[in-house]
C-alpha atoms as a PDB file:
ATOM      1  CA  UNK A   1      -8.904 163.608  -1.295  1.00  0.00           C
ATOM      2  CA  UNK A   2      -8.254 160.120  -1.058  1.00  0.00           C
ATOM      3  CA  UNK A   3     -10.130 156.946   0.779  1.00  0.00           C
ATOM      4  CA  UNK A   4      -9.426 153.834   1.782  1.00  0.00           C
ATOM      5  CA  UNK A   5     -10.285 150.855   3.158  1.00  0.00           C
ATOM      6  CA  UNK A   6      -8.638 148.977   5.191  1.00  0.00           C
ATOM      7  CA  UNK A   7      -8.819 145.341   6.363  1.00  0.00           C
ATOM      8  CA  UNK A   8      -6.555 142.152   7.840  1.00  0.00           C
ATOM      9  CA  UNK A   9      -4.228 144.603   8.339  1.00  0.00           C
ATOM     10  CA  UNK A  10      -2.100 144.433  11.659  1.00  0.00           C
ATOM     11  CA  UNK A  11      -2.798 146.950  14.108  1.00  0.00           C
ATOM     12  CA  UNK A  12      -5.019 148.734  12.352  1.00  0.00           C
ATOM     13  CA  UNK A  13      -8.970 148.330  13.042  1.00  0.00           C
ATOM     14  CA  UNK A  14     -10.965 147.383  10.353  1.00  0.00           C
ATOM     15  CA  UNK A  15     -12.983 150.135   8.567  1.00  0.00           C
ATOM     16  CA  UNK A  16     -13.092 153.279   6.084  1.00  0.00           C
ATOM     17  CA  UNK A  17     -10.169 155.665   5.939  1.00  0.00           C
ATOM     18  CA  UNK A  18      -9.623 159.107   4.992  1.00  0.00           C
ATOM     19  CA  UNK A  19      -6.411 161.014   3.757  1.00  0.00           C
ATOM     20  CA  UNK A  20      -6.531 164.705   3.369  1.00  0.00           C
ATOM     21  CA  UNK A  21      -3.459 166.005   2.055  1.00  0.00           C
ATOM     22  CA  UNK A  22      -3.422 169.585   3.766  1.00  0.00           C
ATOM     23  CA  UNK A  23      -2.055 167.485   7.270  1.00  0.00           C
ATOM     24  CA  UNK A  24      -1.088 164.014   6.419  1.00  0.00           C
ATOM     25  CA  UNK A  25      -3.240 161.829   8.631  1.00  0.00           C
ATOM     26  CA  UNK A  26      -5.494 159.048   7.940  1.00  0.00           C
ATOM     27  CA  UNK A  27      -8.645 159.616  10.039  1.00  0.00           C
ATOM     28  CA  UNK A  28     -11.805 156.307  10.688  1.00  0.00           C
ATOM     29  CA  UNK A  29     -14.539 157.887   9.225  1.00  0.00           C
ATOM     30  CA  UNK A  30     -16.545 155.134  10.250  1.00  0.00           C
ATOM     31  CA  UNK A  31     -15.729 151.581  10.678  1.00  0.00           C
ATOM     32  CA  UNK A  32     -15.883 147.722  10.506  1.00  0.00           C
ATOM     33  CA  UNK A  33     -15.512 146.063   7.105  1.00  0.00           C
ATOM     34  CA  UNK A  34     -16.986 146.847   4.177  1.00  0.00           C
ATOM     35  CA  UNK A  35     -15.642 144.613   1.938  1.00  0.00           C
ATOM     36  CA  UNK A  36     -19.111 143.396   1.158  1.00  0.00           C
ATOM     37  CA  UNK A  37     -19.815 146.471  -1.007  1.00  0.00           C
ATOM     38  CA  UNK A  38     -16.583 147.391  -2.259  1.00  0.00           C
ATOM     39  CA  UNK A  39     -17.309 144.201  -4.017  1.00  0.00           C
ATOM     40  CA  UNK A  40     -21.005 144.483  -4.936  1.00  0.00           C
ATOM     41  CA  UNK A  41     -19.908 148.229  -6.704  1.00  0.00           C
ATOM     42  CA  UNK A  42     -17.576 146.385  -8.863  1.00  0.00           C
ATOM     43  CA  UNK A  43     -18.811 146.174 -12.172  1.00  0.00           C
ATOM     44  CA  UNK A  44     -15.508 144.096 -12.731  1.00  0.00           C
ATOM     45  CA  UNK A  45     -16.282 141.149 -10.338  1.00  0.00           C
ATOM     46  CA  UNK A  46     -13.387 142.646  -8.526  1.00  0.00           C
ATOM     47  CA  UNK A  47     -12.476 140.016  -5.177  1.00  0.00           C
ATOM     48  CA  UNK A  48     -11.397 142.617  -2.904  1.00  0.00           C
ATOM     49  CA  UNK A  49     -12.044 139.534   0.115  1.00  0.00           C
ATOM     50  CA  UNK A  50      -8.912 138.500   0.085  1.00  0.00           C
ATOM     51  CA  UNK A  51      -6.917 142.442  -0.177  1.00  0.00           C
ATOM     52  CA  UNK A  52      -5.793 144.280   2.740  1.00  0.00           C
ATOM     53  CA  UNK A  53      -5.997 147.957   1.335  1.00  0.00           C
ATOM     54  CA  UNK A  54      -8.226 149.791  -0.944  1.00  0.00           C
ATOM     55  CA  UNK A  55      -7.819 153.040  -1.775  1.00  0.00           C
ATOM     56  CA  UNK A  56     -10.991 155.600  -3.136  1.00  0.00           C
ATOM     57  CA  UNK A  57      -9.635 158.630  -4.751  1.00  0.00           C
ATOM     58  CA  UNK A  58     -12.343 161.062  -4.722  1.00  0.00           C
ATOM     59  CA  UNK A  59     -12.208 164.073  -7.206  1.00  0.00           C
ATOM     60  CA  UNK A  60     -14.483 166.691  -7.275  1.00  0.00           C
ATOM     61  CA  UNK A  61     -14.535 167.398 -10.913  1.00  0.00           C
ATOM     62  CA  UNK A  62     -16.890 170.778 -11.025  1.00  0.00           C
ATOM     63  CA  UNK A  63     -14.378 172.011  -8.684  1.00  0.00           C
ATOM     64  CA  UNK A  64     -11.518 171.102 -11.040  1.00  0.00           C
ATOM     65  CA  UNK A  65     -13.144 172.755 -14.204  1.00  0.00           C
ATOM     66  CA  UNK A  66     -13.779 175.735 -11.976  1.00  0.00           C
ATOM     67  CA  UNK A  67     -10.132 175.854 -11.042  1.00  0.00           C
ATOM     68  CA  UNK A  68      -8.039 174.824 -14.704  1.00  0.00           C
ATOM     69  CA  UNK A  69     -11.474 174.987 -17.029  1.00  0.00           C
ATOM     70  CA  UNK A  70     -12.034 171.881 -19.674  1.00  0.00           C
ATOM     71  CA  UNK A  71      -8.094 170.955 -19.146  1.00  0.00           C
ATOM     72  CA  UNK A  72      -8.940 170.613 -15.966  1.00  0.00           C
ATOM     73  CA  UNK A  73     -10.981 167.158 -16.120  1.00  0.00           C
ATOM     74  CA  UNK A  74      -7.686 165.302 -18.359  1.00  0.00           C
ATOM     75  CA  UNK A  75      -5.609 166.316 -15.463  1.00  0.00           C
ATOM     76  CA  UNK A  76      -7.267 165.241 -13.410  1.00  0.00           C
ATOM     77  CA  UNK A  77      -7.190 161.595 -14.488  1.00  0.00           C
ATOM     78  CA  UNK A  78      -3.858 162.170 -15.152  1.00  0.00           C
ATOM     79  CA  UNK A  79      -3.251 163.084 -11.584  1.00  0.00           C
ATOM     80  CA  UNK A  80      -4.748 159.707 -10.075  1.00  0.00           C
ATOM     81  CA  UNK A  81      -2.953 157.325 -12.629  1.00  0.00           C
ATOM     82  CA  UNK A  82       0.527 159.010 -11.030  1.00  0.00           C
ATOM     83  CA  UNK A  83      -0.959 158.484  -7.357  1.00  0.00           C
ATOM     84  CA  UNK A  84      -2.242 154.997  -8.378  1.00  0.00           C
ATOM     85  CA  UNK A  85       1.349 154.809  -9.719  1.00  0.00           C
ATOM     86  CA  UNK A  86       2.944 155.380  -6.741  1.00  0.00           C
ATOM     87  CA  UNK A  87       1.142 153.553  -4.447  1.00  0.00           C
ATOM     88  CA  UNK A  88       2.092 150.284  -6.640  1.00  0.00           C
ATOM     89  CA  UNK A  89       5.956 151.564  -6.745  1.00  0.00           C
ATOM     90  CA  UNK A  90       6.270 151.551  -3.323  1.00  0.00           C
ATOM     91  CA  UNK A  91       3.928 148.393  -1.921  1.00  0.00           C
ATOM     92  CA  UNK A  92       6.278 146.344  -4.306  1.00  0.00           C
ATOM     93  CA  UNK A  93       8.846 147.182  -2.055  1.00  0.00           C
ATOM     94  CA  UNK A  94       7.327 145.785   0.158  1.00  0.00           C
ATOM     95  CA  UNK A  95       6.369 142.323  -1.316  1.00  0.00           C
ATOM     96  CA  UNK A  96       2.502 143.940  -1.612  1.00  0.00           C
ATOM     97  CA  UNK A  97       0.434 144.903  -4.509  1.00  0.00           C
ATOM     98  CA  UNK A  98      -1.473 147.317  -5.875  1.00  0.00           C
ATOM     99  CA  UNK A  99      -4.286 146.656  -8.948  1.00  0.00           C
ATOM    100  CA  UNK A 100      -4.927 150.363 -10.327  1.00  0.00           C
ATOM    101  CA  UNK A 101      -8.870 149.432 -11.241  1.00  0.00           C
ATOM    102  CA  UNK A 102     -11.317 151.888 -13.187  1.00  0.00           C
ATOM    103  CA  UNK A 103     -14.502 149.305 -13.676  1.00  0.00           C
ATOM    104  CA  UNK A 104     -16.612 150.246 -10.938  1.00  0.00           C
ATOM    105  CA  UNK A 105     -20.030 151.688 -10.242  1.00  0.00           C
ATOM    106  CA  UNK A 106     -19.557 155.430  -9.242  1.00  0.00           C
ATOM    107  CA  UNK A 107     -23.039 156.097  -7.424  1.00  0.00           C
ATOM    108  CA  UNK A 108     -22.347 152.642  -5.406  1.00  0.00           C
ATOM    109  CA  UNK A 109     -18.925 153.889  -4.220  1.00  0.00           C
ATOM    110  CA  UNK A 110     -20.574 157.270  -3.652  1.00  0.00           C
ATOM    111  CA  UNK A 111     -23.256 156.495  -1.226  1.00  0.00           C
ATOM    112  CA  UNK A 112     -20.620 153.942   0.366  1.00  0.00           C
ATOM    113  CA  UNK A 113     -18.452 157.086   1.465  1.00  0.00           C
ATOM    114  CA  UNK A 114     -21.278 159.699   1.905  1.00  0.00           C
ATOM    115  CA  UNK A 115     -19.698 161.995  -0.654  1.00  0.00           C
ATOM    116  CA  UNK A 116     -21.002 165.633  -1.836  1.00  0.00           C
ATOM    117  CA  UNK A 117     -23.319 165.592  -5.434  1.00  0.00           C
ATOM    118  CA  UNK A 118     -20.329 167.291  -6.723  1.00  0.00           C
ATOM    119  CA  UNK A 119     -17.367 164.067  -5.828  1.00  0.00           C
ATOM    120  CA  UNK A 120     -17.242 160.966  -7.155  1.00  0.00           C
ATOM    121  CA  UNK A 121     -14.908 158.281  -6.765  1.00  0.00           C
ATOM    122  CA  UNK A 122     -13.144 158.873  -9.888  1.00  0.00           C
ATOM    123  CA  UNK A 123     -10.359 156.256  -9.640  1.00  0.00           C
ATOM    124  CA  UNK A 124      -9.372 152.667  -6.843  1.00  0.00           C
ATOM    125  CA  UNK A 125      -6.173 150.642  -5.988  1.00  0.00           C
ATOM    126  CA  UNK A 126      -7.129 147.386  -4.332  1.00  0.00           C
ATOM    127  CA  UNK A 127      -3.778 146.427  -2.470  1.00  0.00           C
ATOM    128  CA  UNK A 128      -2.325 143.820  -0.541  1.00  0.00           C
ATOM    129  CA  UNK A 129      -0.193 140.661  -0.059  1.00  0.00           C
ATOM    130  CA  UNK A 130      -0.763 138.195  -0.945  1.00  0.00           C
ATOM    131  CA  UNK A 131      -1.406 137.839  -4.674  1.00  0.00           C
ATOM    132  CA  UNK A 132      -3.779 136.399  -6.242  1.00  0.00           C
ATOM    133  CA  UNK A 133      -3.144 132.067  -6.845  1.00  0.00           C
ATOM    134  CA  UNK A 134      -5.109 131.761 -10.433  1.00  0.00           C
ATOM    135  CA  UNK A 135      -3.111 134.304 -13.051  1.00  0.00           C
ATOM    136  CA  UNK A 136      -6.847 134.896 -14.559  1.00  0.00           C
ATOM    137  CA  UNK A 137      -8.012 136.171 -11.844  1.00  0.00           C
ATOM    138  CA  UNK A 138      -5.224 138.748 -11.603  1.00  0.00           C
ATOM    139  CA  UNK A 139      -5.244 139.856 -14.572  1.00  0.00           C
ATOM    140  CA  UNK A 140      -9.103 141.018 -14.855  1.00  0.00           C
ATOM    141  CA  UNK A 141      -8.891 144.333 -13.521  1.00  0.00           C
END
């Protein structure tokens, strides 16, 4: 599953949205901006206030291991990286950026998303239209 926090996008209300592959729809879970909580959860001093969308890829590692065995953990990480690459390539066409970020505090994000005990955020992709003005801050993730 993937969860997205959206902010400052034309015709889309700020909030947390959930995407599930079964119906390929984004559904709002909670209204309002949660950018401050996302920044607190960053362990890389990530500033998401200038972004438009933050994807949070959620994984249930116990279920993955039950289904695929020990190699499931590695395969889940490979798939999350593949999803991040796909998002990055898709967004670049429209002049947007996608910055994969693995430096975050899982418990804070898990609480923000109200995840089940077996679920955790495995990957985060920060997206937006305006690239950072400072090249150094653009590379910090």
